[in-house]
Structures are given as C-alpha cells and as structure tokens.
Amino acid sequence: MPKLKTNRGAAKRFAKTGSGGFKRAQSHRSHILTKKSTKRKRNLRGAAMIHDSDVAAVRQMLPHS
C-alpha cells in the first residue's frame, strides 16, 4: 500500500483543534477593504470552524493531523 500524502494546500489552510474539529480563516479579508466597514473587517479576523458536512473531506486531505 502506498504512503498517504497530505494535501499541502489544505495543510496551509486548515488546522486541527484539540477536540478533533478543523478551524479555518475567514474569507473576504485580502483586498478591496476600503468599502468594508471596520466592524465587518474586525469580525473577519477570527477563525471559523469547518462545517460538519465538510469535515470528512478535510480529514481525507490531512491524514496525518
């Protein structure tokens, strides 16, 4: 059986939490920031969790995490 390889793109985007879930960064924070309110940008700073329906796909991409 071949080695399991980690999807390196996914490894840079998702991190496993202590309880076994995966966290991710919020989108819409990279450019065109002048029209977005300060409150909206501030709320996009924090991490978000991967939705339950996507956890299986992320887990398959990150077999060693």
N, C-alpha and C. Protein backbone atom coordinates (compact mmCIF):
# COMPACT_ATOMS: atom_id res chain seq x y z
N MET A 1 0.85 -1.19 0.00
CA MET A 1 0.00 0.00 0.00
C MET A 1 0.89 1.25 0.00
N PRO A 2 0.58 2.23 -0.85
CA PRO A 2 1.44 3.41 -0.93
C PRO A 2 1.28 4.32 0.29
N LYS A 3 2.25 5.21 0.43
CA LYS A 3 2.20 6.18 1.52
C LYS A 3 1.01 7.11 1.33
N LEU A 4 0.46 7.58 2.44
CA LEU A 4 -0.59 8.59 2.38
C LEU A 4 0.06 9.96 2.32
N LYS A 5 -0.33 10.74 1.34
CA LYS A 5 0.25 12.08 1.20
C LYS A 5 -0.74 13.12 1.67
N THR A 6 -0.22 14.12 2.36
CA THR A 6 -1.01 15.25 2.81
C THR A 6 -1.20 16.21 1.66
N ASN A 7 -2.41 16.72 1.50
CA ASN A 7 -2.67 17.78 0.53
C ASN A 7 -2.08 19.07 1.10
N ARG A 8 -0.99 19.55 0.50
CA ARG A 8 -0.25 20.67 1.07
C ARG A 8 -1.05 21.97 1.04
N GLY A 9 -1.92 22.13 0.06
CA GLY A 9 -2.77 23.32 0.02
C GLY A 9 -3.72 23.33 1.20
N ALA A 10 -4.29 22.16 1.51
CA ALA A 10 -5.21 22.07 2.64
C ALA A 10 -4.46 22.24 3.95
N ALA A 11 -3.23 21.74 4.03
CA ALA A 11 -2.45 21.84 5.26
C ALA A 11 -2.17 23.29 5.61
N LYS A 12 -2.05 24.15 4.60
CA LYS A 12 -1.80 25.57 4.85
C LYS A 12 -3.06 26.32 5.25
N ARG A 13 -4.22 25.75 4.95
CA ARG A 13 -5.48 26.46 5.18
C ARG A 13 -6.23 26.00 6.42
N PHE A 14 -6.06 24.75 6.82
CA PHE A 14 -6.83 24.20 7.92
C PHE A 14 -5.92 23.72 9.04
N ALA A 15 -6.39 23.86 10.27
CA ALA A 15 -5.64 23.38 11.43
C ALA A 15 -6.58 22.57 12.31
N LYS A 16 -6.08 21.47 12.84
CA LYS A 16 -6.91 20.62 13.68
C LYS A 16 -6.99 21.19 15.09
N THR A 17 -8.16 21.11 15.68
CA THR A 17 -8.34 21.59 17.05
C THR A 17 -8.17 20.43 18.02
N GLY A 18 -8.10 20.75 19.28
CA GLY A 18 -7.92 19.71 20.29
C GLY A 18 -9.07 18.73 20.36
N SER A 19 -10.27 19.18 20.04
CA SER A 19 -11.44 18.31 20.12
C SER A 19 -11.67 17.54 18.82
N GLY A 20 -10.77 17.70 17.84
CA GLY A 20 -10.87 16.90 16.63
C GLY A 20 -11.50 17.61 15.45
N GLY A 21 -11.97 18.85 15.63
CA GLY A 21 -12.53 19.60 14.52
C GLY A 21 -11.42 20.27 13.74
N PHE A 22 -11.81 21.07 12.75
CA PHE A 22 -10.84 21.83 11.97
C PHE A 22 -11.25 23.28 11.94
N LYS A 23 -10.26 24.16 12.12
CA LYS A 23 -10.55 25.58 12.03
C LYS A 23 -9.96 26.13 10.73
N ARG A 24 -10.51 27.26 10.31
CA ARG A 24 -10.10 27.88 9.05
C ARG A 24 -10.13 29.39 9.23
N ALA A 25 -9.47 30.08 8.31
CA ALA A 25 -9.50 31.54 8.30
C ALA A 25 -10.76 32.01 7.58
N GLN A 26 -11.19 33.21 7.91
CA GLN A 26 -12.34 33.79 7.22
C GLN A 26 -11.91 34.31 5.85
N SER A 27 -12.83 34.32 4.92
CA SER A 27 -12.54 34.86 3.59
C SER A 27 -12.91 36.35 3.55
N HIS A 28 -12.69 36.99 2.42
CA HIS A 28 -13.04 38.39 2.16
C HIS A 28 -12.20 39.38 2.97
N ARG A 29 -10.95 39.02 3.28
CA ARG A 29 -10.10 39.92 4.07
C ARG A 29 -8.82 40.29 3.34
N SER A 30 -8.70 39.97 2.06
CA SER A 30 -7.42 40.15 1.40
C SER A 30 -7.33 41.44 0.58
N HIS A 31 -8.40 41.89 -0.01
CA HIS A 31 -8.33 43.10 -0.83
C HIS A 31 -9.70 43.74 -0.91
N ILE A 32 -9.75 44.93 -1.53
CA ILE A 32 -10.96 45.77 -1.61
C ILE A 32 -11.51 45.99 -0.19
N LEU A 33 -10.65 46.47 0.68
CA LEU A 33 -11.03 46.64 2.08
C LEU A 33 -11.61 48.02 2.37
N THR A 34 -11.46 48.96 1.46
CA THR A 34 -11.91 50.33 1.75
C THR A 34 -13.42 50.43 1.86
N LYS A 35 -14.14 49.63 1.08
CA LYS A 35 -15.60 49.73 1.12
C LYS A 35 -16.21 48.91 2.25
N LYS A 36 -15.41 48.07 2.92
CA LYS A 36 -15.91 47.25 4.02
C LYS A 36 -15.78 48.01 5.33
N SER A 37 -16.79 47.90 6.16
CA SER A 37 -16.77 48.64 7.42
C SER A 37 -15.73 48.05 8.37
N THR A 38 -15.31 48.88 9.31
CA THR A 38 -14.33 48.44 10.30
C THR A 38 -14.87 47.27 11.10
N LYS A 39 -16.15 47.31 11.43
CA LYS A 39 -16.77 46.22 12.19
C LYS A 39 -16.74 44.92 11.41
N ARG A 40 -17.03 45.01 10.12
CA ARG A 40 -17.04 43.81 9.27
C ARG A 40 -15.64 43.20 9.17
N LYS A 41 -14.63 44.06 8.98
CA LYS A 41 -13.26 43.57 8.89
C LYS A 41 -12.78 42.99 10.21
N ARG A 42 -13.17 43.61 11.31
CA ARG A 42 -12.78 43.12 12.64
C ARG A 42 -13.38 41.74 12.89
N ASN A 43 -14.61 41.54 12.50
CA ASN A 43 -15.27 40.25 12.72
C ASN A 43 -14.73 39.16 11.81
N LEU A 44 -14.05 39.54 10.73
CA LEU A 44 -13.46 38.55 9.83
C LEU A 44 -12.07 38.09 10.30
N ARG A 45 -11.53 38.74 11.34
CA ARG A 45 -10.20 38.37 11.82
C ARG A 45 -10.17 36.99 12.46
N GLY A 46 -11.18 36.66 13.22
CA GLY A 46 -11.18 35.43 13.98
C GLY A 46 -11.31 34.19 13.11
N ALA A 47 -10.91 33.08 13.68
CA ALA A 47 -11.02 31.80 12.97
C ALA A 47 -12.46 31.31 13.00
N ALA A 48 -12.81 30.49 12.01
CA ALA A 48 -14.11 29.85 11.94
C ALA A 48 -13.90 28.35 11.87
N MET A 49 -14.93 27.60 12.16
CA MET A 49 -14.84 26.15 12.12
C MET A 49 -15.32 25.63 10.76
N ILE A 50 -14.73 24.52 10.34
CA ILE A 50 -15.19 23.85 9.12
C ILE A 50 -16.58 23.27 9.40
N HIS A 51 -17.47 23.41 8.44
CA HIS A 51 -18.83 22.90 8.60
C HIS A 51 -18.81 21.37 8.70
N ASP A 52 -19.76 20.84 9.43
CA ASP A 52 -19.82 19.39 9.67
C ASP A 52 -19.84 18.58 8.37
N SER A 53 -20.49 19.12 7.34
CA SER A 53 -20.59 18.38 6.08
C SER A 53 -19.26 18.33 5.34
N ASP A 54 -18.30 19.19 5.70
CA ASP A 54 -17.02 19.23 5.00
C ASP A 54 -15.89 18.59 5.80
N VAL A 55 -16.14 18.20 7.03
CA VAL A 55 -15.08 17.66 7.89
C VAL A 55 -14.49 16.38 7.30
N ALA A 56 -15.31 15.51 6.74
CA ALA A 56 -14.81 14.25 6.19
C ALA A 56 -13.85 14.51 5.03
N ALA A 57 -14.16 15.49 4.19
CA ALA A 57 -13.29 15.81 3.06
C ALA A 57 -11.96 16.37 3.54
N VAL A 58 -12.00 17.24 4.54
CA VAL A 58 -10.76 17.82 5.07
C VAL A 58 -9.93 16.75 5.76
N ARG A 59 -10.58 15.87 6.48
CA ARG A 59 -9.86 14.79 7.17
C ARG A 59 -9.15 13.88 6.17
N GLN A 60 -9.75 13.67 5.02
CA GLN A 60 -9.12 12.84 3.99
C GLN A 60 -7.91 13.54 3.38
N MET A 61 -7.97 14.86 3.27
CA MET A 61 -6.85 15.61 2.73
C MET A 61 -5.70 15.74 3.73
N LEU A 62 -6.01 15.62 5.02
CA LEU A 62 -5.00 15.76 6.07
C LEU A 62 -4.94 14.47 6.89
N PRO A 63 -4.41 13.39 6.32
CA PRO A 63 -4.47 12.10 7.01
C PRO A 63 -3.59 12.01 8.25
N HIS A 64 -2.58 12.84 8.37
CA HIS A 64 -1.65 12.73 9.49
C HIS A 64 -1.92 13.73 10.60
N SER A 65 -2.99 14.51 10.49
CA SER A 65 -3.26 15.51 11.52
C SER A 65 -4.25 14.98 12.54
